[in-house]
Amino acid sequence: MSDQAERKEGAGGGPATRWQERYSASRLRDADFETISGVPVEPVYGPPEAEHPGLYPYTRGPYASMYRSKLWTMRLFAGFGTAEDTNVRFKEILRSGGDGLSTAFDLPTLMGRDSDDPHSLGEVGRCGVAVDTLADVEDLFSGIDLGRVTTSMTINSPAAILLAMYVAAAEKSGTPRAELGGTIQNDILKEYQAQKEYVFPPRPSMRIITDMIRFCSAEMPKWHTVSVSGYHIREAGSTAAQELAFTLANGFGYVEAAVAAGLPVDEFAPRLSFFFNAHLDFFEEIAKYRAARRIWARWMSERYGATSERSMQLRFHTQTAGCSLTAQQPEVNIVRTALEALAGVLGGTQSLHTNSMDEVLALPTEKAARIALRTQQVIAHETGVANVADPLGGSYFVEALTDEMERRAEEVFAHLDELGQGSILEGVYAGIERGWFQSEIADAAYTYEKKVSSNRRIVVGVNAFPEGNDEEPPEILHIGQEVEELQLKRLGEVRRRRSAEAVDSALETVRQVAADPARNLMPAIHDAVEAYATVGEIMSAMADVFGRWQETPSI
């Protein structure tokens, strides 16, 4: 008897029956799914009483049909030089078959500084695209239908400003904000823990985020307001278990902050998403994703009282591990990336970015970016792994790892709950202020490096198999001084054209609203953006009220 037939004979109302109803509702033609040899492939495997994809607690996937009905979104992280430069790359990605855009901003923009700020010297357009005003965002997405393409923006402290710019640019091109789909990272808690691109203290920063959640819940129903990111925690040196635990704890913190601001949990939680790293320990990564879905579902239901399935279904984007790439023999990075991407797919990701082989040397060349995209396309269309939901479910090893990941995460939650006296958010604040997260990540990074240094962990081309290390590196993308000069000229032109009076008035309104917790900052920021106030000017206006955060180093 086939597995599908077993499920059809399951007890009425049981998991098998409920899964079958949902799968049937997708109206898929099962005849379309078979091996290369023509062997029919069932949509899911396991006994009738087992957990099923699309059913609580979603360990096996958030949707009953998974990739049979819709493949993951294929994104490439792109951004360099000026907005015009990146616009060309965006269009090349879309022509090559990418169906989502992921925007990288340069360091000054990430830190909320303008290109003509003295601290920005030498960094303009280097590690991402330079954005100073609405004019840059208009150029960045020129000729791209924002009603049809979803966009991810990796930015945190100035996230409200960049979201306002995106909305304004879309509306100027004829796309209403309610039709915009995509994600803004907007995960400030992990900045204090790992990436360090913060500006304001934690509590005012959380006020801005809850304002954005309220704004998007009311006006941008397709938009994901926070992408809770473990990626940067892992890149800073954490273990997989720490990445899982710290990321979900931050997610619980955003839930608690929004509920405290008066928002019903089922009103905003469906628009929270997650962003995980895909590292090289293949099965551990898959177990991490499965454990994340299970933990999130249970906590949202049992602790936070969510009743909507969408609130309990953890959906996530995956990016392959930048810190796993090597400058030695960079072509080998194609192999690393392919294996990491495969782990993300087998773990059930909803969106995937594959790193380019040359990212360890510089921003990706167009050819390297195309190979990274082709890697996803080969996995999707040539391997058959997308035909079955959670194909590793039931594996003794994967199930044991999933349980262990969950156990370790729960230990962290218990510690934070105790620190916060019954509040995960307060525990996260306390962990940040005491340097606990930072110390845990630093210890894990040190332990890993000791293993590499002692050859207990082999890294091909670094501490073993060096043949080929002396070869010429591939051609890389160079960002010249002329990029900074062009951006400064562009910014100067915008400053000259705009109304200084309108800018001053808009910035004063931002200060007034920031000083009043009962008012939402997003409309004031949107007005400032439309007056062509700069990122740095708006950030400075808020800093006048909120102050600037300086970390106390932990010893």
Protein backbone atom coordinates (compact mmCIF):
# COMPACT_ATOMS: atom_id res chain seq x y z
CA MET A 1 0.00 0.00 0.00
CA SER A 2 1.44 3.42 -0.92
CA ASP A 3 2.07 6.04 1.74
CA GLN A 4 -0.58 8.26 0.19
CA ALA A 5 -3.08 5.39 0.28
CA GLU A 6 -2.27 4.82 3.96
CA ARG A 7 -3.09 8.43 4.65
CA LYS A 8 -6.38 8.25 2.83
CA GLU A 9 -7.41 5.42 5.15
CA GLY A 10 -6.45 7.41 8.28
CA ALA A 11 -9.02 8.06 10.98
CA GLY A 12 -11.41 10.90 10.21
CA GLY A 13 -10.15 14.22 11.43
CA GLY A 14 -6.65 12.85 12.10
CA PRO A 15 -3.46 14.51 10.82
CA ALA A 16 -3.41 12.40 7.66
CA THR A 17 -6.97 13.34 6.72
CA ARG A 18 -6.47 17.04 7.46
CA TRP A 19 -3.22 17.07 5.49
CA GLN A 20 -4.88 15.33 2.54
CA GLU A 21 -7.68 17.90 2.49
CA ARG A 22 -5.19 20.74 2.38
CA TYR A 23 -2.99 19.12 -0.19
CA SER A 24 -5.99 18.33 -2.41
CA ALA A 25 -7.11 21.94 -2.15
CA SER A 26 -3.93 22.99 -3.95
CA ARG A 27 -5.26 21.21 -7.07
CA LEU A 28 -1.91 19.84 -8.08
CA ARG A 29 -1.50 17.14 -10.69
CA ASP A 30 0.47 14.39 -8.96
CA ALA A 31 1.30 12.92 -12.35
CA ASP A 32 3.68 15.83 -12.86
CA PHE A 33 5.97 14.61 -10.06
CA GLU A 34 8.19 11.62 -10.72
CA THR A 35 11.82 10.62 -10.79
CA ILE A 36 13.89 10.89 -13.96
CA SER A 37 13.16 7.21 -14.51
CA GLY A 38 9.41 7.87 -14.36
CA VAL A 39 8.77 6.49 -10.87
CA PRO A 40 5.82 8.40 -9.30
CA VAL A 41 6.82 10.41 -6.23
CA GLU A 42 4.41 10.91 -3.33
CA PRO A 43 4.10 14.47 -1.94
CA VAL A 44 5.08 13.42 1.60
CA TYR A 45 6.29 10.23 3.26
CA GLY A 46 5.66 8.84 6.74
CA PRO A 47 3.02 6.93 8.72
CA PRO A 48 -0.50 8.37 8.91
CA GLU A 49 -0.12 9.40 12.55
CA ALA A 50 3.17 11.27 11.94
CA GLU A 51 3.53 15.03 11.77
CA HIS A 52 2.56 16.41 8.36
CA PRO A 53 3.65 19.52 6.49
CA GLY A 54 1.18 22.36 6.70
CA LEU A 55 -0.14 21.20 10.08
CA TYR A 56 0.77 22.34 13.59
CA PRO A 57 3.54 22.41 14.81
CA TYR A 58 4.83 22.71 11.22
CA THR A 59 8.10 20.87 11.85
CA ARG A 60 7.87 19.42 8.34
CA GLY A 61 7.00 22.69 6.62
CA PRO A 62 4.50 25.55 6.81
CA TYR A 63 2.49 24.45 3.76
CA ALA A 64 0.90 21.11 2.87
CA SER A 65 2.13 21.10 -0.73
CA MET A 66 5.45 22.90 -0.11
CA TYR A 67 7.48 23.28 -3.33
CA ARG A 68 5.06 21.23 -5.43
CA SER A 69 2.81 24.25 -5.66
CA LYS A 70 5.41 27.05 -5.49
CA LEU A 71 9.18 27.04 -5.47
CA TRP A 72 11.09 29.21 -3.06
CA THR A 73 11.77 32.79 -4.14
CA MET A 74 15.22 33.00 -5.74
CA ARG A 75 16.95 36.15 -4.59
CA LEU A 76 20.41 37.56 -5.12
CA PHE A 77 21.82 40.12 -2.73
CA ALA A 78 22.83 43.04 -4.94
CA GLY A 79 23.97 46.58 -4.44
CA PHE A 80 27.08 48.56 -5.25
CA GLY A 81 28.15 52.01 -6.34
CA THR A 82 25.41 54.43 -7.24
CA ALA A 83 21.70 53.74 -7.57
CA GLU A 84 22.07 53.71 -11.36
CA ASP A 85 24.81 51.05 -11.14
CA THR A 86 22.67 48.79 -8.98
CA ASN A 87 19.58 49.34 -11.12
CA VAL A 88 21.48 47.79 -14.05
CA ARG A 89 22.42 44.76 -11.90
CA PHE A 90 18.82 44.40 -10.67
CA LYS A 91 17.55 44.24 -14.23
CA GLU A 92 20.20 41.67 -15.15
CA ILE A 93 19.12 39.47 -12.21
CA LEU A 94 15.48 39.66 -13.32
CA ARG A 95 16.43 38.85 -16.93
CA SER A 96 18.40 35.84 -15.70
CA GLY A 97 15.37 34.35 -13.98
CA GLY A 98 15.54 35.85 -10.49
CA ASP A 99 12.08 36.58 -9.16
CA GLY A 100 12.92 38.77 -6.17
CA LEU A 101 15.34 41.58 -5.40
CA SER A 102 17.51 41.80 -2.30
CA THR A 103 19.12 45.18 -1.69
CA ALA A 104 22.55 45.68 -0.14
CA PHE A 105 23.30 49.17 1.16
CA ASP A 106 26.73 50.69 1.69
CA LEU A 107 28.14 51.19 5.18
CA PRO A 108 27.28 54.91 5.49
CA THR A 109 23.63 54.18 4.64
CA LEU A 110 23.54 51.24 7.08
CA MET A 111 24.87 53.52 9.81
CA GLY A 112 22.41 56.31 8.98
CA ARG A 113 25.04 58.69 7.62
CA ASP A 114 25.01 60.72 4.43
CA SER A 115 27.64 60.25 1.74
CA ASP A 116 29.15 63.67 2.51
CA ASP A 117 29.52 62.91 6.23
CA PRO A 118 33.24 62.92 7.16
CA HIS A 119 32.84 59.42 8.62
CA SER A 120 31.67 58.16 5.19
CA LEU A 121 34.92 59.00 3.42
CA GLY A 122 36.21 56.00 1.47
CA GLU A 123 33.12 53.84 2.09
CA VAL A 124 30.57 55.34 -0.30
CA GLY A 125 29.17 52.65 -2.60
CA ARG A 126 31.81 50.12 -1.55
CA CYS A 127 29.89 47.30 0.15
CA GLY A 128 26.47 48.17 -1.24
CA VAL A 129 24.51 50.91 -2.93
CA ALA A 130 24.71 54.47 -1.61
CA VAL A 131 21.32 55.96 -0.69
CA ASP A 132 21.03 59.50 0.64
CA THR A 133 17.60 60.72 -0.48
CA LEU A 134 14.39 59.66 -2.15
CA ALA A 135 16.00 60.59 -5.49
CA ASP A 136 18.41 57.66 -5.08
CA VAL A 137 15.60 55.18 -4.41
CA GLU A 138 13.71 56.49 -7.44
CA ASP A 139 16.79 55.76 -9.57
CA LEU A 140 17.43 52.43 -7.83
CA PHE A 141 14.08 50.98 -8.93
CA SER A 142 13.60 52.91 -12.15
CA GLY A 143 11.90 50.80 -14.81
CA ILE A 144 11.06 47.97 -12.36
CA ASP A 145 7.41 47.18 -11.65
CA LEU A 146 7.32 47.16 -7.84
CA GLY A 147 3.79 45.80 -7.89
CA ARG A 148 5.06 42.56 -9.48
CA VAL A 149 8.53 42.13 -7.91
CA THR A 150 9.06 41.54 -4.21
CA THR A 151 11.97 43.40 -2.66
CA SER A 152 14.04 42.64 0.40
CA MET A 153 16.01 45.46 2.02
CA THR A 154 18.77 44.57 4.44
CA ILE A 155 18.87 47.57 6.73
CA ASN A 156 18.13 48.11 10.40
CA SER A 157 18.66 51.39 12.28
CA PRO A 158 17.49 53.56 9.33
CA ALA A 159 14.90 50.94 8.26
CA ALA A 160 11.91 53.24 8.78
CA ILE A 161 13.48 55.84 6.49
CA LEU A 162 14.29 53.37 3.72
CA LEU A 163 10.80 51.87 3.93
CA ALA A 164 9.29 55.35 3.63
CA MET A 165 11.51 56.04 0.61
CA TYR A 166 10.46 52.76 -1.01
CA VAL A 167 6.77 53.57 -0.47
CA ALA A 168 7.18 57.08 -1.84
CA ALA A 169 9.11 55.90 -4.91
CA ALA A 170 6.51 53.19 -5.61
CA GLU A 171 3.61 55.59 -5.31
CA LYS A 172 5.33 58.09 -7.59
CA SER A 173 5.62 55.32 -10.20
CA GLY A 174 1.96 54.36 -9.83
CA THR A 175 2.04 51.40 -7.40
CA PRO A 176 -0.09 51.87 -4.25
CA ARG A 177 1.55 50.95 -0.96
CA ALA A 178 -1.08 48.27 -0.31
CA GLU A 179 0.21 46.33 -3.33
CA LEU A 180 3.86 46.31 -2.30
CA GLY A 181 5.28 42.94 -1.34
CA GLY A 182 8.61 42.27 0.28
CA THR A 183 10.58 42.46 3.49
CA ILE A 184 12.65 44.97 5.39
CA GLN A 185 15.08 43.43 7.84
CA ASN A 186 14.46 45.94 10.63
CA ASP A 187 15.88 43.55 13.26
CA ILE A 188 17.60 45.91 15.66
CA LEU A 189 18.05 43.50 18.56
CA LYS A 190 20.60 41.38 16.72
CA GLU A 191 22.56 44.55 15.90
CA TYR A 192 23.40 45.02 19.57
CA GLN A 193 24.24 41.32 19.82
CA ALA A 194 26.28 40.77 16.68
CA GLN A 195 26.46 43.17 13.73
CA LYS A 196 26.82 46.49 15.64
CA GLU A 197 25.04 48.72 13.11
CA TYR A 198 22.94 50.48 15.73
CA VAL A 199 22.39 54.18 16.32
CA PHE A 200 19.79 54.68 19.05
CA PRO A 201 19.51 52.88 22.42
CA PRO A 202 17.52 49.60 22.40
CA ARG A 203 14.23 50.85 23.84
CA PRO A 204 13.74 53.85 21.49
CA SER A 205 14.76 51.59 18.62
CA MET A 206 12.00 49.16 19.59
CA ARG A 207 9.53 52.04 19.69
CA ILE A 208 10.36 52.79 16.03
CA ILE A 209 9.86 49.13 15.12
CA THR A 210 6.47 48.90 16.81
CA ASP A 211 5.44 52.07 14.97
CA MET A 212 6.45 50.38 11.71
CA ILE A 213 4.55 47.21 12.62
CA ARG A 214 1.42 49.25 13.33
CA PHE A 215 1.83 51.25 10.11
CA CYS A 216 2.35 48.20 7.90
CA SER A 217 -0.44 46.21 9.54
CA ALA A 218 -2.83 49.01 8.62
CA GLU A 219 -1.50 50.09 5.22
CA MET A 220 0.84 47.46 3.74
CA PRO A 221 -0.80 44.04 4.22
CA LYS A 222 1.65 42.24 1.90
CA TRP A 223 4.78 43.58 3.56
CA HIS A 224 6.94 41.74 6.10
CA THR A 225 7.85 44.39 8.66
CA VAL A 226 10.60 42.53 10.51
CA SER A 227 12.88 39.81 9.21
CA VAL A 228 14.26 38.40 12.44
CA SER A 229 17.81 37.58 11.49
CA GLY A 230 20.04 34.83 12.75
CA TYR A 231 22.28 35.25 9.76
CA HIS A 232 24.47 37.95 11.26
CA ILE A 233 24.58 36.19 14.62
CA ARG A 234 26.04 33.16 12.84
CA GLU A 235 28.40 35.24 10.73
CA ALA A 236 29.74 36.78 13.97
CA GLY A 237 30.77 33.31 15.09
CA SER A 238 27.85 31.68 16.92
CA THR A 239 27.01 28.00 16.76
CA ALA A 240 23.91 26.77 14.94
CA ALA A 241 22.14 26.22 18.26
CA GLN A 242 22.97 29.77 19.41
CA GLU A 243 21.79 31.19 16.10
CA LEU A 244 18.49 29.35 16.53
CA ALA A 245 17.97 30.35 20.16
CA PHE A 246 19.05 34.00 19.95
CA THR A 247 17.04 34.56 16.77
CA LEU A 248 13.80 33.11 18.12
CA ALA A 249 14.28 34.95 21.43
CA ASN A 250 14.53 38.19 19.48
CA GLY A 251 11.38 37.23 17.59
CA PHE A 252 9.55 36.67 20.86
CA GLY A 253 10.83 40.09 21.95
CA TYR A 254 9.24 41.78 18.93
CA VAL A 255 5.97 39.98 19.67
CA GLU A 256 6.00 41.17 23.28
CA ALA A 257 6.84 44.75 22.24
CA ALA A 258 3.99 44.89 19.71
CA VAL A 259 1.49 43.35 22.14
CA ALA A 260 2.55 45.87 24.80
CA ALA A 261 1.91 48.63 22.25
CA GLY A 262 -1.69 47.43 22.00
CA LEU A 263 -1.61 45.32 18.83
CA PRO A 264 -3.46 41.98 18.86
CA VAL A 265 -0.95 39.21 18.19
CA ASP A 266 -2.83 37.77 15.20
CA GLU A 267 -2.96 41.20 13.59
CA PHE A 268 0.80 41.54 13.12
CA ALA A 269 2.47 38.16 13.69
CA PRO A 270 1.67 36.77 10.21
CA ARG A 271 3.88 39.48 8.72
CA LEU A 272 6.94 38.61 10.80
CA SER A 273 9.49 36.53 8.92
CA PHE A 274 12.89 35.06 9.70
CA PHE A 275 16.31 35.01 8.08
CA PHE A 276 18.68 32.14 8.77
CA ASN A 277 22.20 31.23 7.79
CA ALA A 278 22.92 28.05 5.79
CA HIS A 279 26.29 26.79 6.98
CA LEU A 280 28.33 23.75 6.07
CA ASP A 281 27.25 21.14 8.63
CA PHE A 282 24.58 19.85 6.29
CA PHE A 283 22.28 17.87 8.61
CA GLU A 284 22.67 20.27 11.54
CA GLU A 285 21.39 23.11 9.39
CA ILE A 286 18.34 21.13 8.26
CA ALA A 287 17.58 20.21 11.87
CA LYS A 288 17.90 23.86 12.87
CA TYR A 289 15.21 24.94 10.42
CA ARG A 290 12.85 22.15 11.46
CA ALA A 291 13.31 22.96 15.16
CA ALA A 292 12.72 26.66 14.48
CA ARG A 293 9.29 26.01 12.99
CA ARG A 294 8.27 23.72 15.84
CA ILE A 295 9.43 26.10 18.59
CA TRP A 296 7.82 29.17 17.02
CA ALA A 297 4.46 27.42 16.58
CA ARG A 298 4.34 26.20 20.16
CA TRP A 299 5.45 29.46 21.75
CA MET A 300 3.10 31.56 19.63
CA SER A 301 0.17 29.33 20.56
CA GLU A 302 0.93 28.49 24.18
CA ARG A 303 2.73 31.60 25.44
CA TYR A 304 1.36 34.42 23.30
CA GLY A 305 -2.15 33.15 22.62
CA ALA A 306 -2.06 33.23 18.84
CA THR A 307 -5.01 31.49 17.21
CA SER A 308 -4.30 32.21 13.55
CA GLU A 309 -2.33 29.52 11.78
CA ARG A 310 -0.45 32.23 9.91
CA SER A 311 0.83 33.57 13.22
CA MET A 312 2.21 30.14 14.10
CA GLN A 313 3.74 29.31 10.71
CA LEU A 314 7.38 30.36 10.77
CA ARG A 315 8.46 31.36 7.28
CA PHE A 316 12.06 32.19 6.54
CA HIS A 317 14.64 33.37 4.06
CA THR A 318 17.99 31.63 3.87
CA GLN A 319 21.38 32.93 2.78
CA THR A 320 24.38 30.71 2.35
CA ALA A 321 27.22 31.36 4.80
CA GLY A 322 29.53 34.18 3.82
CA CYS A 323 31.91 33.26 6.63
CA SER A 324 32.37 29.77 5.16
CA LEU A 325 33.85 31.15 1.93
CA THR A 326 37.60 31.27 1.40
CA ALA A 327 39.90 33.60 -0.50
CA GLN A 328 42.03 30.55 -1.29
CA GLN A 329 40.78 28.67 -4.38
CA PRO A 330 37.60 30.77 -4.61
CA GLU A 331 36.06 28.47 -7.25
CA VAL A 332 35.63 25.89 -4.48
CA ASN A 333 33.14 28.32 -2.93
CA ILE A 334 30.69 27.28 -5.66
CA VAL A 335 30.65 23.80 -4.13
CA ARG A 336 30.24 25.13 -0.59
CA THR A 337 27.40 27.37 -1.65
CA ALA A 338 25.61 24.57 -3.51
CA LEU A 339 25.66 22.29 -0.47
CA GLU A 340 24.50 25.07 1.84
CA ALA A 341 21.70 26.00 -0.54
CA LEU A 342 20.62 22.35 -0.72
CA ALA A 343 20.41 22.26 3.08
CA GLY A 344 18.17 25.34 2.99
CA VAL A 345 15.86 23.69 0.45
CA LEU A 346 15.72 20.37 2.30
CA GLY A 347 14.98 22.36 5.44
CA GLY A 348 12.00 24.04 3.78
CA THR A 349 13.05 27.64 3.18
CA GLN A 350 10.62 30.07 1.51
CA SER A 351 13.31 32.26 -0.02
CA LEU A 352 16.97 31.70 -0.81
CA HIS A 353 20.05 33.75 -1.61
CA THR A 354 23.19 32.02 -2.82
CA ASN A 355 26.52 33.76 -2.29
CA SER A 356 28.83 34.29 -5.23
CA MET A 357 32.23 32.60 -5.28
CA ASP A 358 34.12 35.90 -5.26
CA GLU A 359 32.29 37.64 -2.41
CA VAL A 360 35.17 36.92 -0.06
CA LEU A 361 37.36 39.06 -2.35
CA ALA A 362 35.00 41.86 -3.37
CA LEU A 363 31.45 42.56 -4.43
CA PRO A 364 30.28 39.90 -6.90
CA THR A 365 30.97 40.23 -10.59
CA GLU A 366 28.02 39.77 -12.93
CA LYS A 367 29.28 36.33 -14.01
CA ALA A 368 29.75 35.11 -10.43
CA ALA A 369 26.28 36.34 -9.49
CA ARG A 370 24.79 34.47 -12.45
CA ILE A 371 26.52 31.23 -11.39
CA ALA A 372 25.08 31.69 -7.90
CA LEU A 373 21.59 32.03 -9.34
CA ARG A 374 22.12 29.05 -11.65
CA THR A 375 23.03 27.01 -8.55
CA GLN A 376 19.52 27.54 -7.21
CA GLN A 377 17.96 26.80 -10.57
CA VAL A 378 19.82 23.46 -10.85
CA ILE A 379 18.63 22.46 -7.38
CA ALA A 380 15.06 23.47 -8.23
CA HIS A 381 14.73 21.95 -11.68
CA GLU A 382 17.28 19.15 -12.05
CA THR A 383 17.65 17.35 -8.73
CA GLY A 384 14.07 16.38 -7.86
CA VAL A 385 14.51 17.42 -4.22
CA ALA A 386 11.63 19.89 -4.46
CA ASN A 387 9.10 17.16 -5.29
CA VAL A 388 8.69 15.90 -1.73
CA ALA A 389 8.01 17.84 1.46
CA ASP A 390 10.62 17.30 4.18
CA PRO A 391 12.26 14.30 2.45
CA LEU A 392 14.60 13.76 5.44
CA GLY A 393 11.74 13.67 7.94
CA GLY A 394 11.82 10.42 9.89
CA SER A 395 15.57 10.04 9.59
CA TYR A 396 16.82 8.89 12.99
CA PHE A 397 19.76 11.31 12.74
CA VAL A 398 17.78 14.35 11.57
CA GLU A 399 14.98 13.80 14.08
CA ALA A 400 17.50 13.43 16.95
CA LEU A 401 19.31 16.59 15.86
CA THR A 402 16.00 18.47 15.61
CA ASP A 403 15.10 17.47 19.17
CA GLU A 404 18.56 18.44 20.44
CA MET A 405 18.39 21.84 18.74
CA GLU A 406 15.03 22.44 20.39
CA ARG A 407 16.37 21.39 23.81
CA ARG A 408 19.35 23.75 23.60
CA ALA A 409 17.17 26.64 22.48
CA GLU A 410 14.77 26.09 25.37
CA GLU A 411 17.70 26.35 27.79
CA VAL A 412 18.49 29.81 26.41
CA PHE A 413 14.84 30.90 26.63
CA ALA A 414 14.69 29.81 30.26
CA HIS A 415 17.80 31.86 31.03
CA LEU A 416 16.40 34.97 29.32
CA ASP A 417 13.02 34.50 30.98
CA GLU A 418 14.76 34.49 34.34
CA LEU A 419 16.85 37.57 33.46
CA GLY A 420 13.69 39.39 32.38
CA GLN A 421 11.58 38.22 35.33
CA GLY A 422 8.99 36.60 33.11
CA SER A 423 9.58 38.70 29.97
CA ILE A 424 11.75 37.46 27.13
CA LEU A 425 12.07 41.02 25.81
CA GLU A 426 13.35 42.34 29.14
CA GLY A 427 15.69 39.35 29.26
CA VAL A 428 17.04 40.25 25.82
CA TYR A 429 17.55 43.86 26.93
CA ALA A 430 19.39 42.63 30.02
CA GLY A 431 21.49 40.24 27.96
CA ILE A 432 22.50 43.07 25.63
CA GLU A 433 23.28 45.51 28.44
CA ARG A 434 25.37 42.93 30.34
CA GLY A 435 27.19 41.75 27.23
CA TRP A 436 25.92 38.19 27.63
CA PHE A 437 25.04 37.62 23.98
CA GLN A 438 28.30 39.17 22.83
CA SER A 439 30.35 36.97 25.17
CA GLU A 440 28.54 33.79 24.14
CA ILE A 441 29.15 34.51 20.45
CA ALA A 442 32.79 35.46 21.05
CA ASP A 443 33.43 32.24 22.98
CA ALA A 444 31.89 30.16 20.19
CA ALA A 445 33.94 31.94 17.52
CA TYR A 446 37.13 31.40 19.53
CA THR A 447 36.38 27.71 19.97
CA TYR A 448 35.84 27.29 16.23
CA GLU A 449 39.06 29.08 15.35
CA LYS A 450 41.00 26.89 17.78
CA LYS A 451 39.66 23.82 15.98
CA VAL A 452 40.78 25.19 12.61
CA SER A 453 44.20 26.22 13.95
CA SER A 454 44.77 22.76 15.43
CA ASN A 455 43.51 20.99 12.28
CA ARG A 456 40.63 19.43 14.21
CA ARG A 457 38.42 21.12 11.65
CA ILE A 458 39.57 20.96 8.02
CA VAL A 459 38.93 23.93 5.74
CA VAL A 460 39.90 23.07 2.18
CA GLY A 461 42.61 25.39 0.90
CA VAL A 462 43.18 26.98 4.30
CA ASN A 463 44.68 24.32 6.57
CA ALA A 464 44.67 21.43 4.11
CA PHE A 465 44.81 20.75 0.35
CA PRO A 466 46.58 24.00 -0.59
CA GLU A 467 47.30 22.97 -4.20
CA GLY A 468 45.99 25.80 -6.37
CA ASN A 469 46.36 28.53 -3.76
CA ASP A 470 49.08 30.20 -5.81
CA GLU A 471 46.86 30.61 -8.89
CA GLU A 472 45.76 34.04 -10.00
CA PRO A 473 42.45 35.06 -8.38
CA PRO A 474 39.44 35.61 -10.65
CA GLU A 475 38.64 39.04 -11.98
CA ILE A 476 36.83 41.04 -9.31
CA LEU A 477 34.53 44.05 -9.30
CA HIS A 478 36.37 47.28 -8.52
CA ILE A 479 34.60 50.29 -7.02
CA GLY A 480 36.66 53.35 -7.88
CA GLN A 481 36.92 56.77 -6.27
CA GLU A 482 34.75 58.14 -9.07
CA VAL A 483 31.70 56.44 -7.49
CA GLU A 484 32.04 58.54 -4.34
CA GLU A 485 32.56 61.68 -6.41
CA LEU A 486 29.42 60.96 -8.46
CA GLN A 487 27.35 60.32 -5.35
CA LEU A 488 28.53 63.52 -3.66
CA LYS A 489 27.69 65.47 -6.80
CA ARG A 490 24.24 63.86 -6.92
CA LEU A 491 23.59 64.66 -3.26
CA GLY A 492 24.69 68.25 -3.74
CA GLU A 493 22.27 68.67 -6.65
CA VAL A 494 19.35 67.34 -4.59
CA ARG A 495 20.19 69.67 -1.71
CA ARG A 496 20.21 72.64 -4.09
CA ARG A 497 16.91 71.73 -5.77
CA ARG A 498 14.83 70.96 -2.69
CA SER A 499 13.05 73.47 -0.46
CA ALA A 500 15.19 74.07 2.62
CA GLU A 501 12.15 75.46 4.42
CA ALA A 502 10.11 72.32 3.74
CA VAL A 503 12.97 70.11 4.93
CA ASP A 504 13.43 72.08 8.16
CA SER A 505 9.70 71.95 8.88
CA ALA A 506 9.52 68.20 8.21
CA LEU A 507 12.53 67.48 10.43
CA GLU A 508 11.05 69.52 13.27
CA THR A 509 7.86 67.46 12.98
CA VAL A 510 9.96 64.28 13.22
CA ARG A 511 11.46 65.58 16.49
CA GLN A 512 8.05 66.44 17.91
CA VAL A 513 6.56 63.06 17.04
CA ALA A 514 9.62 61.22 18.37
CA ALA A 515 9.13 62.99 21.70
CA ASP A 516 5.51 61.80 21.91
CA PRO A 517 5.27 57.98 22.32
CA ALA A 518 1.54 58.12 21.59
CA ARG A 519 2.17 59.22 17.98
CA ASN A 520 3.37 57.04 15.10
CA LEU A 521 6.65 58.15 13.54
CA MET A 522 6.05 56.68 10.08
CA PRO A 523 3.84 59.45 8.63
CA ALA A 524 6.29 62.13 9.81
CA ILE A 525 9.24 60.22 8.34
CA HIS A 526 7.33 59.75 5.09
CA ASP A 527 6.70 63.50 4.85
CA ALA A 528 10.39 64.22 5.50
CA VAL A 529 11.39 61.76 2.80
CA GLU A 530 9.04 63.36 0.28
CA ALA A 531 10.64 66.73 1.07
CA TYR A 532 13.95 65.06 0.08
CA ALA A 533 15.44 65.22 3.55
CA THR A 534 18.48 62.96 3.70
CA VAL A 535 18.90 59.74 5.66
CA GLY A 536 21.46 61.45 7.88
CA GLU A 537 19.24 64.45 8.56
CA ILE A 538 16.27 62.33 9.60
CA MET A 539 18.44 60.09 11.77
CA SER A 540 19.97 63.14 13.46
CA ALA A 541 16.51 64.58 14.15
CA MET A 542 15.51 61.37 15.93
CA ALA A 543 18.86 61.20 17.76
CA ASP A 544 18.14 64.67 19.17
CA VAL A 545 15.29 62.99 21.07
CA PHE A 546 16.45 59.39 21.52
CA GLY A 547 20.18 59.86 21.97
CA ARG A 548 22.87 57.58 20.54
CA TRP A 549 23.88 54.18 21.91
CA GLN A 550 27.41 53.36 22.95
CA GLU A 551 28.14 49.78 23.91
CA THR A 552 29.90 48.95 27.17
CA PRO A 553 32.60 46.43 26.20
CA SER A 554 32.41 43.08 27.99
CA ILE A 555 35.67 41.61 29.27
